[in-house]
N, C-alpha and C. Protein backbone atom coordinates (compact mmCIF):
# COMPACT_ATOMS: atom_id res chain seq x y z
N MET A 1 29.01 -56.48 2.90
CA MET A 1 29.54 -55.06 3.23
C MET A 1 30.63 -55.17 4.35
N ILE A 2 30.13 -56.01 5.47
CA ILE A 2 30.90 -55.92 6.41
C ILE A 2 31.38 -57.60 6.52
N GLN A 3 32.78 -57.62 6.62
CA GLN A 3 33.35 -58.88 6.61
C GLN A 3 34.36 -58.97 7.57
N MET A 4 34.05 -59.79 8.56
CA MET A 4 35.00 -59.69 9.67
C MET A 4 35.39 -61.27 10.07
N HIS A 5 36.84 -61.60 10.16
CA HIS A 5 37.28 -62.97 10.42
C HIS A 5 38.27 -62.87 11.49
N ASP A 6 38.09 -63.51 12.67
CA ASP A 6 39.22 -63.62 13.60
C ASP A 6 39.51 -62.49 14.05
N ILE A 7 38.66 -61.45 14.36
CA ILE A 7 38.88 -60.16 14.87
C ILE A 7 39.46 -60.55 16.40
N VAL A 8 40.76 -59.87 16.88
CA VAL A 8 40.88 -59.55 18.18
C VAL A 8 41.50 -58.40 18.58
N LYS A 9 40.90 -57.79 19.63
CA LYS A 9 41.36 -56.86 20.41
C LYS A 9 41.37 -56.80 21.76
N LYS A 10 42.92 -56.64 22.35
CA LYS A 10 43.19 -56.90 23.44
C LYS A 10 43.91 -55.76 24.39
N TYR A 11 43.76 -55.94 25.64
CA TYR A 11 44.46 -54.51 26.24
C TYR A 11 45.45 -55.31 27.38
N VAL A 12 46.33 -54.53 27.70
CA VAL A 12 47.18 -55.03 29.01
C VAL A 12 46.93 -54.04 30.07
N MET A 13 46.82 -55.13 31.47
CA MET A 13 46.24 -54.51 32.52
C MET A 13 47.12 -55.13 33.43
N GLY A 14 48.29 -54.40 33.87
CA GLY A 14 49.21 -54.63 34.55
C GLY A 14 50.10 -56.24 33.93
N GLU A 15 50.17 -56.95 34.26
CA GLU A 15 50.65 -58.09 33.54
C GLU A 15 49.83 -59.20 32.89
N GLU A 16 48.48 -58.65 33.01
CA GLU A 16 47.41 -59.70 32.40
C GLU A 16 46.93 -58.89 31.09
N GLU A 17 46.79 -59.97 30.07
CA GLU A 17 46.08 -59.33 28.67
C GLU A 17 44.49 -59.89 28.74
N ILE A 18 44.08 -58.63 28.44
CA ILE A 18 42.19 -59.01 28.80
C ILE A 18 41.99 -58.79 26.94
N TYR A 19 41.25 -59.53 26.56
CA TYR A 19 40.69 -59.76 25.44
C TYR A 19 39.38 -59.20 25.22
N ALA A 20 39.33 -57.81 24.83
CA ALA A 20 37.87 -57.43 24.43
C ALA A 20 37.06 -57.73 23.58
N LEU A 21 37.91 -58.60 22.39
CA LEU A 21 37.01 -58.96 21.09
C LEU A 21 38.24 -60.30 20.86
N ASP A 22 37.49 -61.34 21.13
CA ASP A 22 38.44 -62.89 20.98
C ASP A 22 37.75 -63.44 19.85
N HIS A 23 38.51 -63.23 18.81
CA HIS A 23 38.32 -63.95 17.50
C HIS A 23 37.02 -64.07 16.94
N VAL A 24 36.64 -62.79 16.83
CA VAL A 24 35.13 -62.60 16.24
C VAL A 24 34.79 -62.65 15.00
N SER A 25 34.11 -63.37 14.46
CA SER A 25 33.92 -63.51 12.84
C SER A 25 32.34 -63.32 12.52
N PHE A 26 32.11 -62.76 11.43
CA PHE A 26 30.45 -62.44 11.15
C PHE A 26 30.86 -61.60 9.99
N GLN A 27 29.55 -61.50 9.33
CA GLN A 27 29.22 -60.71 8.16
C GLN A 27 27.95 -60.16 8.15
N VAL A 28 28.03 -58.93 7.38
CA VAL A 28 26.69 -58.02 7.25
C VAL A 28 26.47 -57.79 5.75
N LYS A 29 25.64 -58.47 5.20
CA LYS A 29 25.29 -57.73 3.93
C LYS A 29 24.59 -56.75 3.53
N PRO A 30 24.76 -56.18 2.48
CA PRO A 30 23.97 -54.97 2.06
C PRO A 30 22.61 -55.11 2.13
N GLY A 31 21.81 -53.99 2.78
CA GLY A 31 20.58 -54.05 2.81
C GLY A 31 20.22 -54.62 4.20
N GLU A 32 21.06 -55.39 4.91
CA GLU A 32 20.59 -55.92 6.14
C GLU A 32 20.20 -54.89 7.12
N PHE A 33 19.52 -55.10 8.37
CA PHE A 33 19.22 -54.41 9.44
C PHE A 33 19.80 -55.61 10.54
N VAL A 34 20.90 -55.34 11.19
CA VAL A 34 21.24 -56.28 12.21
C VAL A 34 21.55 -55.65 13.32
N ALA A 35 21.09 -55.97 14.73
CA ALA A 35 21.64 -55.52 16.11
C ALA A 35 22.78 -56.74 16.61
N ILE A 36 23.62 -55.63 17.02
CA ILE A 36 24.66 -56.34 17.77
C ILE A 36 24.47 -56.11 19.52
N THR A 37 24.14 -57.07 20.08
CA THR A 37 23.38 -57.02 21.42
C THR A 37 24.46 -57.95 22.56
N GLY A 38 24.57 -57.22 23.86
CA GLY A 38 25.26 -58.25 24.68
C GLY A 38 25.27 -57.37 25.92
N PRO A 39 25.46 -57.92 27.21
CA PRO A 39 25.54 -57.12 28.47
C PRO A 39 26.80 -56.07 28.36
N SER A 40 26.52 -55.20 29.48
CA SER A 40 27.65 -54.11 29.61
C SER A 40 28.86 -54.94 29.81
N GLY A 41 29.99 -54.52 29.03
CA GLY A 41 31.53 -55.06 29.24
C GLY A 41 31.67 -56.22 27.98
N SER A 42 30.67 -56.39 27.39
CA SER A 42 30.75 -57.75 26.49
C SER A 42 31.49 -57.37 25.24
N GLY A 43 31.88 -56.43 24.90
CA GLY A 43 32.91 -56.04 23.71
C GLY A 43 31.96 -55.41 22.60
N LYS A 44 30.74 -54.89 23.06
CA LYS A 44 29.95 -54.31 21.75
C LYS A 44 30.78 -52.77 21.67
N SER A 45 31.22 -52.22 22.40
CA SER A 45 31.54 -50.88 22.24
C SER A 45 32.78 -51.12 21.46
N THR A 46 33.69 -51.73 21.76
CA THR A 46 35.05 -52.02 20.96
C THR A 46 34.71 -52.68 19.75
N LEU A 47 33.93 -53.61 19.27
CA LEU A 47 33.40 -53.83 18.24
C LEU A 47 32.65 -52.56 17.42
N MET A 48 31.90 -51.95 17.93
CA MET A 48 31.44 -50.71 17.19
C MET A 48 32.56 -49.60 16.64
N ASN A 49 33.59 -49.53 17.61
CA ASN A 49 34.71 -48.97 17.15
C ASN A 49 35.66 -49.20 15.80
N ILE A 50 35.36 -50.60 15.96
CA ILE A 50 36.22 -51.15 14.58
C ILE A 50 35.50 -51.26 13.54
N ILE A 51 34.10 -51.67 13.60
CA ILE A 51 33.38 -51.37 12.85
C ILE A 51 33.22 -49.94 11.72
N GLY A 52 33.14 -49.10 12.84
CA GLY A 52 33.34 -47.70 12.35
C GLY A 52 34.31 -46.86 12.36
N CYS A 53 35.69 -48.04 12.00
CA CYS A 53 36.57 -47.51 11.66
C CYS A 53 37.22 -46.19 12.81
N LEU A 54 36.91 -46.60 13.68
CA LEU A 54 37.46 -45.47 14.76
C LEU A 54 38.42 -46.44 15.83
N ASP A 55 38.77 -47.25 15.44
CA ASP A 55 40.00 -48.33 16.05
C ASP A 55 40.19 -48.91 14.96
N ILE A 56 41.27 -49.55 15.22
CA ILE A 56 41.56 -50.75 14.45
C ILE A 56 42.07 -52.24 15.02
N ALA A 57 41.95 -53.49 14.75
CA ALA A 57 42.19 -54.57 15.36
C ALA A 57 43.31 -54.70 15.58
N ASP A 58 43.69 -55.71 16.46
CA ASP A 58 45.12 -56.21 17.00
C ASP A 58 45.23 -57.39 15.86
N GLU A 59 44.41 -58.28 15.65
CA GLU A 59 44.68 -59.43 14.90
C GLU A 59 43.12 -59.38 13.88
N GLY A 60 43.34 -60.39 13.13
CA GLY A 60 42.16 -60.57 12.14
C GLY A 60 42.03 -59.51 11.03
N GLU A 61 41.23 -59.73 10.35
CA GLU A 61 40.87 -59.21 8.91
C GLU A 61 39.71 -58.74 8.94
N TYR A 62 39.44 -57.13 8.68
CA TYR A 62 38.15 -56.89 8.50
C TYR A 62 38.20 -56.28 7.26
N ARG A 63 37.08 -56.24 6.22
CA ARG A 63 36.81 -56.05 4.88
C ARG A 63 35.60 -54.73 5.24
N LEU A 64 35.55 -53.71 4.66
CA LEU A 64 34.47 -53.21 4.37
C LEU A 64 34.40 -52.89 2.68
N ASN A 65 33.21 -52.92 2.60
CA ASN A 65 32.76 -52.80 1.18
C ASN A 65 33.88 -53.42 0.01
N GLY A 66 34.21 -54.85 0.45
CA GLY A 66 35.49 -55.50 -0.15
C GLY A 66 36.89 -54.99 0.00
N GLN A 67 37.19 -54.12 0.91
CA GLN A 67 38.36 -53.22 1.03
C GLN A 67 38.85 -53.66 2.28
N LYS A 68 40.02 -54.10 2.67
CA LYS A 68 40.80 -54.36 3.86
C LYS A 68 40.91 -53.24 4.74
N VAL A 69 40.49 -52.87 5.71
CA VAL A 69 40.35 -52.07 6.44
C VAL A 69 41.48 -52.04 7.41
N ASP A 70 42.45 -52.92 7.86
CA ASP A 70 43.53 -53.28 8.99
C ASP A 70 44.89 -52.64 8.93
N SER A 71 45.00 -52.43 7.55
CA SER A 71 46.24 -51.75 6.87
C SER A 71 46.10 -50.25 6.45
N TYR A 72 44.93 -49.73 7.15
CA TYR A 72 44.89 -48.44 6.49
C TYR A 72 45.60 -47.72 7.56
N THR A 73 46.16 -46.45 6.78
CA THR A 73 46.66 -45.08 7.95
C THR A 73 45.37 -44.37 8.83
N GLU A 74 45.59 -43.42 9.37
CA GLU A 74 44.60 -42.88 10.15
C GLU A 74 43.72 -41.83 9.19
N ARG A 75 44.74 -41.22 8.13
CA ARG A 75 43.95 -40.57 7.23
C ARG A 75 43.30 -41.11 6.19
N ASP A 76 43.43 -42.34 6.22
CA ASP A 76 42.71 -43.45 5.52
C ASP A 76 41.54 -43.61 5.97
N LEU A 77 41.53 -43.84 7.42
CA LEU A 77 40.27 -44.25 8.64
C LEU A 77 39.51 -43.43 8.31
N ALA A 78 39.91 -41.68 8.49
CA ALA A 78 39.14 -40.87 8.29
C ALA A 78 37.87 -40.52 7.13
N ARG A 79 38.85 -40.74 6.07
CA ARG A 79 38.17 -40.45 4.82
C ARG A 79 37.31 -41.47 4.67
N ILE A 80 37.13 -43.07 5.19
CA ILE A 80 36.43 -43.59 5.21
C ILE A 80 35.08 -43.50 5.99
N ARG A 81 35.37 -43.05 7.27
CA ARG A 81 34.53 -42.59 8.62
C ARG A 81 33.33 -41.43 7.62
N ASN A 82 34.24 -40.60 7.17
CA ASN A 82 33.64 -39.26 6.54
C ASN A 82 32.51 -39.63 5.21
N ARG A 83 32.92 -40.75 4.54
CA ARG A 83 32.29 -41.00 3.50
C ARG A 83 31.31 -42.27 3.38
N HIS A 84 31.70 -43.26 4.10
CA HIS A 84 31.06 -44.13 3.76
C HIS A 84 30.01 -44.52 5.15
N ILE A 85 30.30 -44.06 6.03
CA ILE A 85 29.79 -44.70 7.60
C ILE A 85 28.66 -43.07 7.90
N GLY A 86 27.31 -43.46 8.47
CA GLY A 86 26.72 -42.67 8.85
C GLY A 86 26.61 -43.08 10.49
N PHE A 87 27.17 -42.03 11.42
CA PHE A 87 27.14 -42.47 12.83
C PHE A 87 25.67 -41.97 13.47
N ILE A 88 24.97 -42.65 14.25
CA ILE A 88 24.11 -42.28 15.38
C ILE A 88 24.46 -42.74 16.33
N PHE A 89 24.34 -41.45 17.39
CA PHE A 89 24.92 -41.87 18.75
C PHE A 89 23.60 -41.63 19.56
N GLN A 90 23.96 -42.17 21.03
CA GLN A 90 22.92 -42.22 22.20
C GLN A 90 22.69 -40.50 22.62
N GLY A 91 23.92 -39.83 22.36
CA GLY A 91 23.83 -38.32 22.87
C GLY A 91 23.67 -37.58 21.88
N PHE A 92 23.14 -37.91 20.50
CA PHE A 92 22.91 -37.07 19.28
C PHE A 92 24.01 -36.12 18.87
N ASN A 93 24.95 -35.59 19.70
CA ASN A 93 26.03 -35.11 19.38
C ASN A 93 26.10 -33.94 18.11
N LEU A 94 24.91 -33.03 18.35
CA LEU A 94 24.57 -32.03 17.48
C LEU A 94 25.20 -30.66 18.07
N LEU A 95 25.68 -29.74 17.31
CA LEU A 95 26.43 -28.73 18.00
C LEU A 95 25.17 -27.59 18.30
N PRO A 96 25.38 -26.77 19.82
CA PRO A 96 24.26 -26.48 20.24
C PRO A 96 23.85 -24.89 19.41
N LYS A 97 25.21 -24.46 18.89
CA LYS A 97 24.91 -23.16 18.31
C LYS A 97 24.58 -23.28 16.86
N LEU A 98 24.51 -24.40 16.24
CA LEU A 98 23.68 -24.57 14.84
C LEU A 98 22.56 -24.93 15.12
N ASP A 99 21.62 -24.45 13.81
CA ASP A 99 20.38 -25.21 13.69
C ASP A 99 20.27 -26.06 13.13
N ALA A 100 19.14 -27.03 13.20
CA ALA A 100 19.14 -28.29 12.28
C ALA A 100 19.79 -28.51 11.10
N LEU A 101 19.54 -27.72 10.28
CA LEU A 101 19.86 -27.61 9.04
C LEU A 101 21.54 -27.41 8.71
N GLU A 102 21.94 -26.47 9.65
CA GLU A 102 23.42 -26.43 9.84
C GLU A 102 24.12 -27.47 10.36
N ASN A 103 23.57 -28.36 11.13
CA ASN A 103 24.09 -29.55 11.64
C ASN A 103 24.17 -30.67 11.08
N VAL A 104 23.05 -30.51 10.20
CA VAL A 104 23.03 -31.78 9.03
C VAL A 104 23.85 -31.41 7.98
N GLU A 105 24.32 -30.03 7.57
CA GLU A 105 25.34 -29.93 6.54
C GLU A 105 26.95 -30.14 6.40
N LEU A 106 27.00 -30.21 8.01
CA LEU A 106 28.24 -29.86 8.54
C LEU A 106 29.45 -31.07 8.16
N PRO A 107 28.88 -32.12 8.35
CA PRO A 107 29.84 -33.37 7.68
C PRO A 107 30.19 -33.25 6.28
N MET A 108 29.20 -32.61 5.55
CA MET A 108 29.40 -32.58 4.06
C MET A 108 30.38 -31.60 4.02
N ILE A 109 30.30 -30.46 4.71
CA ILE A 109 31.53 -29.40 4.67
C ILE A 109 32.97 -30.12 4.46
N TYR A 110 33.18 -30.82 5.51
CA TYR A 110 34.32 -32.10 5.11
C TYR A 110 34.24 -32.80 4.02
N GLN A 111 33.30 -33.16 3.45
CA GLN A 111 33.32 -33.52 2.09
C GLN A 111 33.54 -33.01 0.88
N ASN A 112 33.80 -31.67 1.11
CA ASN A 112 33.68 -30.70 -0.02
C ASN A 112 32.78 -30.45 -1.09
N VAL A 113 31.57 -31.05 -0.40
CA VAL A 113 30.30 -30.82 -1.50
C VAL A 113 30.16 -29.33 -1.33
N PRO A 114 29.68 -29.12 -2.54
CA PRO A 114 29.21 -27.62 -3.13
C PRO A 114 28.47 -27.40 -2.04
N HIS A 115 28.08 -25.71 -1.63
CA HIS A 115 26.79 -25.20 -0.89
C HIS A 115 25.57 -25.37 -1.27
N ALA A 116 25.38 -25.33 -2.35
CA ALA A 116 23.90 -25.28 -3.04
C ALA A 116 23.46 -27.00 -2.97
N GLN A 117 24.54 -28.04 -3.18
CA GLN A 117 24.26 -29.31 -3.14
C GLN A 117 24.06 -29.93 -1.83
N ARG A 118 24.76 -29.66 -0.72
CA ARG A 118 24.64 -29.82 0.82
C ARG A 118 23.25 -29.17 1.15
N ARG A 119 23.24 -28.11 0.95
CA ARG A 119 22.16 -27.55 1.23
C ARG A 119 20.74 -27.93 0.93
N GLN A 120 20.70 -28.77 -0.43
CA GLN A 120 19.56 -29.54 -0.97
C GLN A 120 19.46 -30.91 -0.22
N ARG A 121 20.71 -31.34 -0.15
CA ARG A 121 20.70 -32.96 0.64
C ARG A 121 20.36 -32.43 1.95
N ALA A 122 20.62 -31.35 2.84
CA ALA A 122 20.13 -31.84 4.19
C ALA A 122 18.84 -31.37 4.22
N GLU A 123 18.10 -30.61 3.57
CA GLU A 123 16.90 -30.16 3.44
C GLU A 123 16.22 -31.72 2.97
N GLU A 124 16.58 -32.43 2.24
CA GLU A 124 15.45 -33.49 1.68
C GLU A 124 15.95 -34.67 2.82
N ALA A 125 16.98 -34.82 3.64
CA ALA A 125 17.31 -35.83 4.59
C ALA A 125 16.27 -35.17 5.89
N LEU A 126 16.47 -33.90 6.09
CA LEU A 126 15.36 -33.46 7.25
C LEU A 126 13.97 -33.92 7.01
N GLU A 127 13.58 -33.53 5.72
CA GLU A 127 12.17 -33.77 5.03
C GLU A 127 12.06 -35.63 5.72
N ARG A 128 13.03 -35.82 5.50
CA ARG A 128 12.65 -37.51 4.80
C ARG A 128 12.82 -38.00 6.71
N VAL A 129 13.14 -37.55 7.49
CA VAL A 129 13.02 -37.89 8.91
C VAL A 129 11.75 -36.99 9.74
N GLY A 130 11.25 -36.21 9.02
CA GLY A 130 9.92 -35.60 9.55
C GLY A 130 10.19 -34.33 10.28
N LEU A 131 11.19 -33.67 9.81
CA LEU A 131 11.65 -32.36 10.29
C LEU A 131 11.63 -31.26 9.50
N LYS A 132 10.66 -31.26 8.48
CA LYS A 132 10.64 -30.15 7.58
C LYS A 132 10.34 -28.70 8.13
N GLY A 133 9.50 -28.95 9.22
CA GLY A 133 9.16 -27.75 9.94
C GLY A 133 9.97 -26.94 10.87
N ARG A 134 11.20 -27.77 11.14
CA ARG A 134 12.21 -27.49 12.62
C ARG A 134 13.54 -27.46 11.76
N MET A 135 13.62 -27.26 10.42
CA MET A 135 14.97 -26.74 10.10
C MET A 135 15.94 -25.55 10.49
N ARG A 136 15.05 -24.65 11.08
CA ARG A 136 16.24 -23.51 11.48
C ARG A 136 15.90 -23.61 13.05
N HIS A 137 15.10 -24.60 13.91
CA HIS A 137 15.28 -24.85 15.21
C HIS A 137 16.91 -25.29 15.55
N LYS A 138 17.55 -24.80 16.73
CA LYS A 138 18.80 -25.13 17.34
C LYS A 138 18.05 -26.47 18.28
N PRO A 139 19.21 -27.25 18.89
CA PRO A 139 19.04 -28.28 19.39
C PRO A 139 18.13 -28.18 20.36
N GLN A 140 18.19 -26.94 21.57
CA GLN A 140 17.77 -26.77 22.77
C GLN A 140 16.27 -26.39 22.11
N GLU A 141 15.92 -26.16 20.92
CA GLU A 141 14.34 -25.84 20.64
C GLU A 141 13.54 -27.28 20.13
N MET A 142 14.33 -28.21 20.30
CA MET A 142 13.95 -29.46 19.63
C MET A 142 13.38 -30.62 20.99
N SER A 143 12.46 -31.66 20.91
CA SER A 143 12.59 -32.49 22.07
C SER A 143 13.84 -33.55 21.66
N GLY A 144 13.92 -34.16 22.74
CA GLY A 144 14.78 -35.47 22.54
C GLY A 144 14.88 -36.33 21.23
N GLY A 145 13.31 -36.63 20.92
CA GLY A 145 13.05 -37.39 19.58
C GLY A 145 13.36 -36.46 18.41
N GLN A 146 13.14 -35.21 18.60
CA GLN A 146 13.57 -34.71 17.43
C GLN A 146 15.01 -34.21 17.14
N GLN A 147 15.60 -34.09 18.28
CA GLN A 147 17.13 -34.39 18.18
C GLN A 147 17.90 -35.33 17.80
N GLN A 148 17.13 -36.24 17.69
CA GLN A 148 17.65 -37.71 17.32
C GLN A 148 17.23 -37.75 15.81
N ARG A 149 16.02 -37.43 15.43
CA ARG A 149 15.96 -37.55 13.92
C ARG A 149 16.79 -36.39 13.21
N CYS A 150 17.40 -35.40 14.09
CA CYS A 150 18.25 -34.67 13.44
C CYS A 150 19.33 -35.47 13.06
N ALA A 151 19.82 -36.08 14.18
CA ALA A 151 21.07 -36.98 14.08
C ALA A 151 20.81 -37.66 12.79
N ILE A 152 19.83 -38.39 12.52
CA ILE A 152 19.66 -39.52 11.72
C ILE A 152 19.86 -38.55 10.50
N ALA A 153 19.42 -37.61 10.32
CA ALA A 153 19.34 -37.02 9.17
C ALA A 153 20.55 -36.30 8.70
N ARG A 154 21.49 -35.95 9.47
CA ARG A 154 22.96 -35.93 9.41
C ARG A 154 23.46 -37.31 8.71
N ALA A 155 23.26 -38.46 9.57
CA ALA A 155 24.16 -39.51 9.07
C ALA A 155 23.57 -39.90 7.55
N LEU A 156 22.22 -39.89 7.31
CA LEU A 156 21.85 -39.80 5.73
C LEU A 156 22.18 -39.08 4.80
N ALA A 157 22.44 -37.86 5.14
CA ALA A 157 22.64 -36.69 4.24
C ALA A 157 24.01 -36.94 3.48
N VAL A 158 24.90 -37.71 4.32
CA VAL A 158 26.39 -38.10 3.78
C VAL A 158 26.44 -39.15 2.76
N LYS A 159 25.05 -39.65 2.65
CA LYS A 159 24.59 -41.04 1.63
C LYS A 159 25.77 -42.09 1.93
N PRO A 160 25.92 -42.55 2.93
CA PRO A 160 26.42 -43.66 3.61
C PRO A 160 26.36 -44.99 3.06
N SER A 161 27.26 -45.74 2.91
CA SER A 161 26.74 -47.24 2.69
C SER A 161 26.50 -48.45 3.69
N LEU A 162 26.63 -47.50 5.07
CA LEU A 162 26.37 -48.10 6.12
C LEU A 162 25.99 -47.07 7.31
N ILE A 163 25.14 -47.53 8.12
CA ILE A 163 24.55 -46.64 9.13
C ILE A 163 24.92 -47.50 10.42
N LEU A 164 25.64 -46.80 11.02
CA LEU A 164 26.05 -47.31 12.39
C LEU A 164 25.35 -46.31 13.68
N ALA A 165 24.40 -47.18 14.62
CA ALA A 165 23.84 -46.83 15.46
C ALA A 165 24.26 -47.18 16.95
N ASP A 166 24.89 -46.58 17.77
CA ASP A 166 24.90 -46.85 19.22
C ASP A 166 24.12 -46.61 19.98
N GLU A 167 23.12 -47.61 20.83
CA GLU A 167 21.83 -47.01 21.75
C GLU A 167 21.49 -45.83 21.24
N PRO A 168 20.67 -46.08 20.32
CA PRO A 168 19.94 -44.67 19.25
C PRO A 168 18.77 -44.22 20.24
N THR A 169 18.22 -45.24 21.01
CA THR A 169 17.04 -44.78 21.86
C THR A 169 17.33 -44.77 22.96
N GLY A 170 18.56 -44.77 23.93
CA GLY A 170 19.16 -44.72 25.02
C GLY A 170 18.61 -43.77 25.96
N ASN A 171 18.74 -42.22 25.10
CA ASN A 171 18.36 -41.46 26.03
C ASN A 171 17.00 -40.63 25.73
N LEU A 172 15.89 -41.50 25.33
CA LEU A 172 14.74 -41.46 24.79
C LEU A 172 13.67 -42.08 25.81
N ASP A 173 12.44 -41.55 26.02
CA ASP A 173 11.27 -42.14 26.74
C ASP A 173 10.78 -43.27 25.41
N GLN A 174 10.24 -44.35 26.09
CA GLN A 174 9.54 -45.53 25.36
C GLN A 174 9.02 -44.98 23.86
N LYS A 175 7.94 -44.36 24.04
CA LYS A 175 7.00 -43.88 22.85
C LYS A 175 8.17 -43.09 21.96
N THR A 176 8.85 -42.39 22.73
CA THR A 176 9.78 -41.75 21.35
C THR A 176 10.64 -42.96 20.78
N GLY A 177 11.54 -43.70 21.63
CA GLY A 177 12.09 -44.48 21.01
C GLY A 177 11.63 -45.77 20.21
N GLN A 178 10.11 -45.66 20.20
CA GLN A 178 9.81 -46.53 19.52
C GLN A 178 9.41 -46.03 18.35
N GLU A 179 9.00 -44.54 18.26
CA GLU A 179 9.03 -43.57 16.93
C GLU A 179 10.53 -43.83 16.31
N ILE A 180 11.62 -43.68 16.77
CA ILE A 180 12.77 -43.60 16.11
C ILE A 180 13.17 -45.15 15.47
N LEU A 181 12.70 -46.30 16.25
CA LEU A 181 12.73 -47.53 15.70
C LEU A 181 12.10 -47.90 14.44
N ALA A 182 10.80 -47.25 14.52
CA ALA A 182 10.10 -47.11 13.29
C ALA A 182 10.46 -46.41 12.00
N LEU A 183 11.38 -45.41 12.58
CA LEU A 183 11.91 -44.59 10.99
C LEU A 183 13.33 -45.44 10.81
N PHE A 184 14.00 -46.35 11.86
CA PHE A 184 14.75 -47.18 11.33
C PHE A 184 14.29 -48.41 10.51
N ASP A 185 13.30 -48.92 10.82
CA ASP A 185 12.22 -49.65 9.81
C ASP A 185 12.12 -49.25 8.47
N GLU A 186 11.63 -48.21 8.41
CA GLU A 186 11.41 -47.35 7.28
C GLU A 186 12.61 -47.30 6.14
N LEU A 187 14.03 -46.87 6.79
CA LEU A 187 15.05 -46.56 6.09
C LEU A 187 15.74 -48.00 5.61
N ASN A 188 15.42 -48.93 6.79
CA ASN A 188 16.03 -50.31 6.07
C ASN A 188 15.12 -50.74 4.71
N ALA A 189 14.02 -50.62 5.03
CA ALA A 189 12.92 -50.91 4.18
C ALA A 189 13.12 -50.24 2.53
N GLN A 190 14.13 -48.81 2.70
CA GLN A 190 14.18 -48.14 1.43
C GLN A 190 15.80 -48.65 1.04
N GLY A 191 16.32 -49.84 1.80
CA GLY A 191 17.50 -50.05 1.10
C GLY A 191 18.71 -49.99 1.83
N ASN A 192 18.53 -49.24 2.93
CA ASN A 192 19.81 -48.63 3.93
C ASN A 192 20.38 -49.90 4.67
N THR A 193 21.45 -50.22 4.89
CA THR A 193 22.42 -51.12 5.51
C THR A 193 22.17 -50.80 6.91
N ILE A 194 22.11 -51.23 7.72
CA ILE A 194 21.90 -50.69 9.44
C ILE A 194 22.47 -51.51 10.36
N VAL A 195 23.54 -51.23 11.00
CA VAL A 195 24.02 -52.12 12.22
C VAL A 195 23.75 -51.17 13.55
N LEU A 196 22.94 -51.73 14.45
CA LEU A 196 22.35 -51.25 15.76
C LEU A 196 23.16 -51.85 16.83
N ILE A 197 24.03 -50.76 17.84
CA ILE A 197 24.59 -51.53 18.88
C ILE A 197 23.55 -51.35 20.09
N THR A 198 23.23 -52.30 20.66
CA THR A 198 22.30 -52.18 21.88
C THR A 198 22.32 -53.11 23.05
N HIS A 199 22.32 -52.95 24.27
CA HIS A 199 22.19 -53.60 25.47
C HIS A 199 20.83 -54.32 25.59
N ASP A 200 19.85 -53.54 24.85
CA ASP A 200 18.28 -53.62 24.98
C ASP A 200 17.78 -54.62 24.43
N GLU A 201 17.17 -55.90 24.77
CA GLU A 201 16.77 -56.80 23.91
C GLU A 201 15.90 -56.62 23.12
N HIS A 202 14.60 -55.99 23.59
CA HIS A 202 13.47 -55.36 23.15
C HIS A 202 13.78 -54.55 21.87
N VAL A 203 15.03 -53.56 21.93
CA VAL A 203 15.25 -52.94 20.92
C VAL A 203 15.89 -53.59 19.84
N ALA A 204 16.78 -54.45 19.90
CA ALA A 204 17.71 -55.57 19.47
C ALA A 204 16.75 -56.35 18.54
N ALA A 205 15.42 -56.66 19.13
CA ALA A 205 14.25 -57.43 18.33
C ALA A 205 13.59 -56.82 16.98
N ARG A 206 14.08 -55.31 17.06
CA ARG A 206 13.47 -55.01 15.79
C ARG A 206 14.15 -55.31 14.75
N ALA A 207 15.51 -55.63 14.84
CA ALA A 207 16.41 -55.85 13.56
C ALA A 207 16.01 -57.48 13.13
N ARG A 208 16.17 -57.52 11.98
CA ARG A 208 16.22 -58.32 11.01
C ARG A 208 16.91 -59.76 11.50
N ARG A 209 17.96 -59.34 11.92
CA ARG A 209 18.86 -60.47 12.61
C ARG A 209 19.79 -59.87 13.98
N GLN A 210 19.94 -60.85 14.56
CA GLN A 210 20.66 -60.41 16.00
C GLN A 210 22.08 -61.21 16.05
N ILE A 211 22.90 -60.62 16.96
CA ILE A 211 24.49 -61.11 16.78
C ILE A 211 24.63 -60.73 18.16
N ARG A 212 24.79 -61.77 19.09
CA ARG A 212 25.05 -61.70 20.57
C ARG A 212 26.40 -61.59 20.63
N ILE A 213 26.79 -60.84 21.70
CA ILE A 213 28.44 -60.88 21.86
C ILE A 213 28.59 -61.15 23.29
N GLU A 214 29.33 -61.67 24.06
CA GLU A 214 29.28 -62.04 25.52
C GLU A 214 31.02 -62.26 25.52
N ASP A 215 31.37 -61.48 26.66
CA ASP A 215 33.09 -62.17 26.93
C ASP A 215 33.87 -61.83 25.76
N GLY A 216 33.36 -60.91 24.72
CA GLY A 216 34.64 -60.98 23.63
C GLY A 216 33.78 -61.82 22.44
N ARG A 217 33.18 -62.53 22.73
CA ARG A 217 32.87 -63.36 21.84
C ARG A 217 31.41 -63.92 21.20
N ILE A 218 31.35 -64.13 19.69
CA ILE A 218 29.97 -63.94 19.54
C ILE A 218 29.45 -65.70 19.94
N MET A 219 28.43 -65.29 20.72
CA MET A 219 27.70 -66.45 21.24
C MET A 219 26.41 -66.82 20.53
N GLU A 220 25.41 -65.81 19.91
CA GLU A 220 24.21 -66.55 19.52
C GLU A 220 23.80 -65.73 18.20
N PRO A 221 24.71 -65.87 17.14
CA PRO A 221 24.13 -65.37 16.06
C PRO A 221 22.99 -66.06 15.61
N SER A 222 21.89 -65.24 14.89
CA SER A 222 20.49 -65.97 14.66
C SER A 222 20.13 -65.42 13.29
N GLY A 223 19.99 -66.22 12.35
CA GLY A 223 19.45 -65.93 11.24
C GLY A 223 20.37 -65.34 10.36
N GLY A 224 20.35 -65.83 9.04
CA GLY A 224 21.73 -65.30 8.02
C GLY A 224 22.92 -65.57 8.13
N SER A 225 23.74 -65.05 7.50
CA SER A 225 25.52 -65.44 7.54
C SER A 225 25.86 -64.78 8.76
N VAL A 226 26.82 -65.97 9.56
CA VAL A 226 27.44 -65.67 10.82
C VAL A 226 28.63 -64.71 10.60
């Protein structure tokens, strides 16, 4: 599903070139649950942005579902983000004036999914994450864990080929964080491909495979294809 070969991303600071990613290569197969881990400033966020088509590499080749991404226009990248990637962020990113059902429906509006179909898919996604009784609650009427479940439902409803989660338990207490990680386990067991970005080794340990990045380089990929 994800194929990265010799990915380079660099920034110019004064007269110095800083390599955020230094010839990074790895693969993620369909159905895998992979954690990308490393300390702050290691290049995790830059790598996440490229995986999620929020940014493009300066050098190297990135293929998502077999398609080369690096030559796409911004319009193409937006289409890929909308149709193929389900994003889950640390800050939930729910709109406060919309209830859970409306928040989950929102990305499907941009996909031009008909109203009846997107309502059905939103309801199914919320039920899937255990929020059947909270569909008409607004974010401020839900706990942090419930808001993250809503964010996960929003990602699932668009039927993405890839779920990309950036520090999804960072704003949650330990017990609630473990509940969210258990939900990721369930989603992966159902066949969803998940890439989890985290600095927390205990969170990363829940994945089936870990890829460690330090100073922009892959250091300790373990298990499976690198």
